[in-house]
Amino acid sequence: MRASRLLSILILLQIHGRMSARTLAERFEVSKRTIYRDVDELSAAGVPVYSERGAAGGFALLDGWQTRLTGMTGEEAEAILLSSLPGTAADLGFGDTAATARLKLLAAMPAQSSAAAQRVADRFHFDPVPWHRRPVPRREDLRLLARAVWECRRLSLAYESWAGSKPRILEPLGIVLKAGEYYFVALRRGRPAIHKLDYARDLILLDEGFERPAAFDLAAAWHDALDQFEASLRRDVARLRVAPTAMSRLGSLNADMAEPIFAATPQADGWREVEVPIESVGYAASQLLGLAAAVEVLAPEALRAELKARAEAVAALY
């Protein structure tokens, strides 16, 4: 741990030029006394680091000096692709490794390229958690799942579904983070299938390995499964009249409903008449009820009746 911190301090000074003991202490979550000891150790090893006192002071390297100790380990090379997603890297057990790999990458770049890369990191941030939701604390199961994926090892688990909890032996091929929730694609009986991590219980990493299909493409498999899933939900069609006042609230609807409404041409009175695919009468009613009188269902009759019943129940409650 200390050797890793010494190397990180050295690379940080090379990238930033000058850093105070307080800044370094906060970054590594140690005391300033520890940072002073680390800098003394770097100096004793022949690194030309010096200190300047005052408000603008700190530690710096002699001009023109550059370390060549930037070779990446295997784990760091794997983690570098996750370094722009620090939360995800930490969830998967690559937090410290990804941070070190990112520092090494910046240090190995020419000064101009390094500065440009740092500007990108300083100006873009990715937050995968949707509005009105809090990040879900990650179980240790996620790191165990990641190991199974990296090492091509089978997993034993209990998977919960509408039919209850059933034991399964899976061959995990990849992990997907969608809207703040983790899913994984795994071979089951020789075919890839999507599983939600929150539905997996009692994960056990087995000693049995498996051969990963050479032609497997995680992104393609995920998008194919999404297309099939979304197509399976379009079971019926509803015809609607939508008021102009509803247009600013269409974000509460799913895309299958919202997109045709946006694309429809307004009539003379500003209302739009449009057909939209729906998954079921109950789900469509729960979606449309939030628009209140700004939407009128013209068909099917079952959806009109369901909305009327729900509205009457709300009115009766109040």
Protein backbone atom coordinates (compact mmCIF):
# COMPACT_ATOMS: atom_id res chain seq x y z
CA MET A 1 0.00 0.00 0.00
CA ARG A 2 2.77 2.45 0.90
CA ALA A 3 4.76 1.65 -2.25
CA SER A 4 1.63 2.30 -4.31
CA ARG A 5 1.10 5.63 -2.50
CA LEU A 6 4.71 6.70 -3.10
CA LEU A 7 4.38 5.98 -6.81
CA SER A 8 1.04 7.81 -6.94
CA ILE A 9 2.53 10.87 -5.20
CA LEU A 10 5.40 10.89 -7.67
CA ILE A 11 3.03 10.73 -10.67
CA LEU A 12 0.69 13.37 -9.21
CA LEU A 13 3.61 15.80 -8.78
CA GLN A 14 4.68 15.08 -12.34
CA ILE A 15 1.17 15.79 -13.66
CA HIS A 16 0.20 18.80 -11.52
CA GLY A 17 3.57 20.43 -10.98
CA ARG A 18 3.05 21.41 -7.32
CA MET A 19 0.79 20.04 -4.60
CA SER A 20 0.48 20.88 -0.91
CA ALA A 21 0.87 18.35 1.88
CA ARG A 22 -2.74 18.99 2.88
CA THR A 23 -4.06 18.21 -0.62
CA LEU A 24 -2.03 15.01 -0.81
CA ALA A 25 -3.09 13.96 2.68
CA GLU A 26 -6.77 14.44 1.82
CA ARG A 27 -6.41 12.55 -1.44
CA PHE A 28 -4.83 9.50 0.18
CA GLU A 29 -6.76 9.81 3.47
CA VAL A 30 -3.61 9.91 5.61
CA SER A 31 -2.08 12.53 7.89
CA LYS A 32 0.18 15.36 6.69
CA ARG A 33 2.94 13.82 8.83
CA THR A 34 2.65 10.64 6.72
CA ILE A 35 2.95 12.69 3.52
CA TYR A 36 6.09 14.40 4.83
CA ARG A 37 7.59 10.98 5.60
CA ASP A 38 6.66 9.74 2.12
CA VAL A 39 8.32 12.76 0.48
CA ASP A 40 11.46 12.20 2.57
CA GLU A 41 11.52 8.60 1.37
CA LEU A 42 11.21 9.70 -2.26
CA SER A 43 14.09 12.13 -1.79
CA ALA A 44 16.22 9.40 -0.21
CA ALA A 45 15.53 7.24 -3.27
CA GLY A 46 16.97 9.92 -5.54
CA VAL A 47 13.77 11.61 -6.71
CA PRO A 48 14.48 15.39 -7.03
CA VAL A 49 11.48 16.59 -5.04
CA TYR A 50 11.66 19.89 -3.14
CA SER A 51 9.30 21.92 -0.97
CA GLU A 52 8.34 25.58 -0.92
CA ARG A 53 6.79 27.36 2.04
CA GLY A 54 3.93 29.84 1.95
CA ALA A 55 0.30 29.94 0.81
CA ALA A 56 1.23 28.98 -2.75
CA GLY A 57 3.87 26.48 -1.67
CA GLY A 58 3.96 22.72 -1.62
CA PHE A 59 5.98 19.86 -3.05
CA ALA A 60 7.27 19.86 -6.62
CA LEU A 61 9.74 18.04 -8.86
CA LEU A 62 12.73 19.73 -10.49
CA ASP A 63 11.84 21.14 -13.90
CA GLY A 64 12.38 18.65 -16.70
CA TRP A 65 12.55 15.59 -14.46
CA GLN A 66 10.13 12.81 -15.43
CA THR A 67 9.64 9.32 -14.05
CA ARG A 68 9.59 6.32 -16.35
CA LEU A 69 7.97 4.07 -13.74
CA THR A 70 4.63 4.09 -15.52
CA GLY A 71 4.34 0.50 -16.76
CA MET A 72 0.85 -0.85 -16.16
CA THR A 73 0.06 -4.14 -14.48
CA GLY A 74 -2.45 -6.54 -16.02
CA GLU A 75 -5.17 -5.52 -13.58
CA GLU A 76 -4.52 -1.83 -14.24
CA ALA A 77 -4.83 -2.38 -17.98
CA GLU A 78 -8.24 -4.06 -17.43
CA ALA A 79 -9.32 -1.30 -15.05
CA ILE A 80 -8.35 1.60 -17.31
CA LEU A 81 -11.54 1.18 -19.36
CA LEU A 82 -13.52 1.74 -16.15
CA SER A 83 -11.47 4.68 -14.89
CA SER A 84 -13.92 7.24 -16.28
CA LEU A 85 -16.66 5.59 -14.19
CA PRO A 86 -15.16 5.67 -10.68
CA GLY A 87 -18.35 4.50 -8.98
CA THR A 88 -18.66 1.52 -11.30
CA ALA A 89 -14.98 0.66 -10.94
CA ALA A 90 -15.31 0.72 -7.15
CA ASP A 91 -18.44 -1.46 -7.26
CA LEU A 92 -16.56 -4.08 -9.28
CA GLY A 93 -13.53 -3.99 -6.98
CA PHE A 94 -11.32 -1.87 -9.27
CA GLY A 95 -11.53 1.48 -7.48
CA ASP A 96 -7.92 1.87 -6.36
CA THR A 97 -6.54 0.02 -9.38
CA ALA A 98 -8.45 2.20 -11.87
CA ALA A 99 -7.30 5.38 -10.12
CA THR A 100 -3.66 4.27 -10.24
CA ALA A 101 -3.96 3.22 -13.89
CA ARG A 102 -5.44 6.59 -14.80
CA LEU A 103 -2.55 8.39 -13.12
CA LYS A 104 -0.03 6.25 -14.96
CA LEU A 105 -1.74 6.91 -18.26
CA LEU A 106 -1.67 10.68 -17.69
CA ALA A 107 1.96 10.57 -16.60
CA ALA A 108 3.01 8.59 -19.67
CA MET A 109 1.41 11.09 -22.07
CA PRO A 110 3.25 14.09 -23.51
CA ALA A 111 2.54 17.21 -21.44
CA GLN A 112 0.13 18.70 -23.98
CA SER A 113 -1.87 15.48 -24.41
CA SER A 114 -1.93 14.90 -20.67
CA ALA A 115 -3.35 18.37 -20.10
CA ALA A 116 -6.03 17.77 -22.75
CA ALA A 117 -6.99 14.44 -21.17
CA GLN A 118 -7.18 16.07 -17.74
CA ARG A 119 -9.48 18.78 -19.15
CA VAL A 120 -11.85 16.09 -20.40
CA ALA A 121 -11.91 14.46 -16.97
CA ASP A 122 -12.47 17.83 -15.31
CA ARG A 123 -15.36 18.78 -17.62
CA PHE A 124 -17.39 15.57 -17.98
CA HIS A 125 -18.95 13.47 -15.25
CA PHE A 126 -21.19 10.43 -15.66
CA ASP A 127 -23.91 9.77 -13.06
CA PRO A 128 -25.87 6.58 -13.89
CA VAL A 129 -28.49 6.93 -11.14
CA PRO A 130 -31.91 8.19 -12.39
CA TRP A 131 -33.61 11.23 -10.85
CA HIS A 132 -35.55 10.67 -7.62
CA ARG A 133 -33.54 7.56 -6.82
CA ARG A 134 -30.61 6.96 -4.52
CA PRO A 135 -27.57 4.82 -5.31
CA VAL A 136 -28.15 1.25 -4.16
CA PRO A 137 -25.45 -0.09 -1.80
CA ARG A 138 -23.65 -2.83 -3.68
CA ARG A 139 -23.39 -6.29 -2.21
CA GLU A 140 -20.17 -8.25 -2.19
CA ASP A 141 -21.97 -10.46 -4.72
CA LEU A 142 -21.15 -7.93 -7.43
CA ARG A 143 -17.41 -8.36 -6.95
CA LEU A 144 -17.84 -12.12 -6.87
CA LEU A 145 -19.82 -11.91 -10.13
CA ALA A 146 -17.06 -9.78 -11.65
CA ARG A 147 -14.48 -12.43 -10.73
CA ALA A 148 -16.59 -15.09 -12.38
CA VAL A 149 -16.73 -13.00 -15.57
CA TRP A 150 -12.97 -12.22 -15.61
CA GLU A 151 -11.93 -15.78 -14.80
CA CYS A 152 -14.59 -17.63 -16.87
CA ARG A 153 -15.82 -19.63 -13.88
CA ARG A 154 -19.27 -21.04 -13.25
CA LEU A 155 -21.58 -19.58 -10.62
CA SER A 156 -24.04 -21.36 -8.38
CA LEU A 157 -26.94 -19.19 -7.20
CA ALA A 158 -30.63 -19.04 -6.34
CA TYR A 159 -32.56 -16.89 -8.80
CA GLU A 160 -35.87 -15.28 -7.86
CA SER A 161 -38.58 -14.91 -10.51
CA TRP A 162 -42.36 -14.82 -10.71
CA ALA A 163 -42.28 -18.62 -10.36
CA GLY A 164 -40.27 -18.49 -7.11
CA SER A 165 -36.63 -19.05 -6.20
CA LYS A 166 -34.80 -21.76 -8.13
CA PRO A 167 -31.18 -22.99 -7.98
CA ARG A 168 -29.13 -22.39 -11.12
CA ILE A 169 -25.64 -23.02 -12.44
CA LEU A 170 -24.69 -20.19 -14.80
CA GLU A 171 -21.72 -19.26 -16.99
CA PRO A 172 -21.47 -15.44 -16.74
CA LEU A 173 -20.25 -13.67 -19.88
CA GLY A 174 -20.59 -9.98 -19.03
CA ILE A 175 -22.03 -7.30 -16.74
CA VAL A 176 -24.27 -4.40 -17.80
CA LEU A 177 -25.03 -1.26 -15.80
CA LYS A 178 -28.40 0.19 -16.88
CA ALA A 179 -30.01 3.16 -15.13
CA GLY A 180 -28.09 2.49 -11.91
CA GLU A 181 -28.92 -1.24 -11.76
CA TYR A 182 -26.68 -4.19 -12.56
CA TYR A 183 -27.61 -6.98 -14.95
CA PHE A 184 -25.49 -9.82 -16.24
CA VAL A 185 -25.59 -11.98 -19.35
CA ALA A 186 -24.90 -15.64 -18.66
CA LEU A 187 -25.08 -18.92 -20.52
CA ARG A 188 -27.82 -21.16 -19.23
CA ARG A 189 -28.19 -24.52 -20.95
CA GLY A 190 -25.91 -23.23 -23.67
CA ARG A 191 -27.93 -20.09 -24.49
CA PRO A 192 -27.25 -16.49 -23.34
CA ALA A 193 -29.89 -14.96 -21.08
CA ILE A 194 -30.18 -11.71 -19.11
CA HIS A 195 -30.36 -11.83 -15.32
CA LYS A 196 -30.82 -9.01 -12.81
CA LEU A 197 -28.26 -9.05 -10.00
CA ASP A 198 -30.84 -7.98 -7.40
CA TYR A 199 -32.73 -11.23 -8.07
CA ALA A 200 -29.66 -13.41 -7.52
CA ARG A 201 -29.06 -14.83 -4.06
CA ASP A 202 -26.47 -17.09 -2.39
CA LEU A 203 -23.82 -16.68 -5.09
CA ILE A 204 -21.01 -19.23 -4.93
CA LEU A 205 -17.98 -19.05 -7.22
CA LEU A 206 -17.28 -22.59 -8.39
CA ASP A 207 -13.91 -24.06 -9.29
CA GLU A 208 -15.35 -25.24 -12.60
CA GLY A 209 -14.32 -23.13 -15.57
CA PHE A 210 -16.09 -22.77 -18.89
CA GLU A 211 -15.10 -21.78 -22.41
CA ARG A 212 -16.31 -18.36 -23.41
CA PRO A 213 -17.83 -18.32 -26.95
CA ALA A 214 -15.24 -16.73 -29.23
CA ALA A 215 -17.80 -14.76 -31.21
CA PHE A 216 -19.81 -13.47 -28.23
CA ASP A 217 -20.45 -9.70 -28.35
CA LEU A 218 -21.84 -8.38 -25.05
CA ALA A 219 -23.19 -5.09 -26.44
CA ALA A 220 -24.89 -6.83 -29.37
CA ALA A 221 -26.38 -9.55 -27.14
CA TRP A 222 -27.70 -6.92 -24.72
CA HIS A 223 -29.33 -4.83 -27.44
CA ASP A 224 -30.85 -7.89 -29.13
CA ALA A 225 -32.37 -8.97 -25.81
CA LEU A 226 -33.71 -5.46 -25.19
CA ASP A 227 -35.30 -5.35 -28.63
CA GLN A 228 -36.98 -8.71 -28.06
CA PHE A 229 -38.16 -7.70 -24.59
CA GLU A 230 -39.59 -4.37 -25.71
CA ALA A 231 -41.28 -5.98 -28.71
CA SER A 232 -42.93 -8.51 -26.41
CA LEU A 233 -44.47 -5.66 -24.39
CA ARG A 234 -46.26 -4.10 -27.37
CA ARG A 235 -49.32 -6.31 -27.07
CA ASP A 236 -52.10 -3.86 -27.91
CA VAL A 237 -52.79 -0.38 -29.30
CA ALA A 238 -54.60 2.59 -27.73
CA ARG A 239 -55.98 5.64 -29.51
CA LEU A 240 -55.58 8.90 -27.59
CA ARG A 241 -56.38 12.59 -27.74
CA VAL A 242 -53.65 14.58 -26.01
CA ALA A 243 -53.94 18.22 -24.90
CA PRO A 244 -51.19 20.82 -25.48
CA THR A 245 -50.79 21.11 -21.69
CA ALA A 246 -49.64 17.48 -21.54
CA MET A 247 -46.63 17.98 -23.80
CA SER A 248 -44.34 19.15 -20.99
CA ARG A 249 -45.27 16.09 -18.90
CA LEU A 250 -44.67 13.33 -21.41
CA GLY A 251 -41.42 12.43 -19.67
CA SER A 252 -43.52 10.42 -17.21
CA LEU A 253 -44.60 8.07 -20.03
CA ASN A 254 -42.52 5.30 -21.55
CA ALA A 255 -40.85 5.99 -24.90
CA ASP A 256 -43.32 3.84 -26.86
CA MET A 257 -46.10 6.19 -25.77
CA ALA A 258 -44.26 9.50 -25.69
CA GLU A 259 -42.55 9.34 -29.09
CA PRO A 260 -45.71 8.94 -31.25
CA ILE A 261 -47.39 11.75 -29.28
CA PHE A 262 -44.46 14.10 -29.89
CA ALA A 263 -44.46 13.19 -33.58
CA ALA A 264 -48.22 13.67 -34.10
CA THR A 265 -49.43 16.80 -35.88
CA PRO A 266 -51.57 19.10 -33.68
CA GLN A 267 -55.13 19.74 -34.82
CA ALA A 268 -56.66 23.22 -35.06
CA ASP A 269 -57.45 23.24 -31.33
CA GLY A 270 -53.90 22.11 -30.42
CA TRP A 271 -54.95 18.59 -29.40
CA ARG A 272 -53.20 15.61 -30.99
CA GLU A 273 -54.91 12.36 -31.96
CA VAL A 274 -52.53 9.41 -32.07
CA GLU A 275 -52.25 5.63 -31.75
CA VAL A 276 -49.69 4.26 -29.28
CA PRO A 277 -48.61 0.70 -28.41
CA ILE A 278 -49.43 -0.47 -24.87
CA GLU A 279 -48.23 -3.38 -22.77
CA SER A 280 -51.51 -3.98 -20.92
CA VAL A 281 -54.66 -2.10 -19.90
CA GLY A 282 -53.54 -1.89 -16.27
CA TYR A 283 -50.05 -0.58 -17.01
CA ALA A 284 -51.33 1.92 -19.60
CA ALA A 285 -53.90 3.21 -17.11
CA SER A 286 -51.22 3.77 -14.46
CA GLN A 287 -49.16 5.71 -17.02
CA LEU A 288 -51.99 7.89 -18.34
CA LEU A 289 -53.68 8.64 -15.03
CA GLY A 290 -50.87 11.08 -14.19
CA LEU A 291 -51.89 13.27 -17.13
CA ALA A 292 -55.40 13.62 -15.68
CA ALA A 293 -57.78 15.52 -18.00
CA ALA A 294 -54.97 16.38 -20.43
CA VAL A 295 -55.46 13.03 -22.17
CA GLU A 296 -58.59 11.27 -23.43
CA VAL A 297 -58.61 7.60 -24.31
CA LEU A 298 -60.71 6.97 -27.43
CA ALA A 299 -60.04 3.21 -27.57
CA PRO A 300 -59.96 0.47 -26.43
CA GLU A 301 -63.07 0.57 -24.29
CA ALA A 302 -61.40 -1.55 -21.59
CA LEU A 303 -58.77 1.16 -21.06
CA ARG A 304 -61.46 3.88 -20.90
CA ALA A 305 -63.31 1.86 -18.25
CA GLU A 306 -60.14 1.24 -16.24
CA LEU A 307 -59.21 4.93 -16.18
CA LYS A 308 -62.77 5.86 -15.18
CA ALA A 309 -62.74 3.32 -12.33
CA ARG A 310 -59.40 4.55 -11.01
CA ALA A 311 -60.43 8.21 -11.23
CA GLU A 312 -63.69 7.44 -9.38
CA ALA A 313 -61.73 5.61 -6.67
CA VAL A 314 -59.45 8.62 -6.19
CA ALA A 315 -62.45 11.00 -6.10
CA ALA A 316 -64.21 8.78 -3.55
CA LEU A 317 -61.11 8.78 -1.34
CA TYR A 318 -61.07 12.58 -1.21
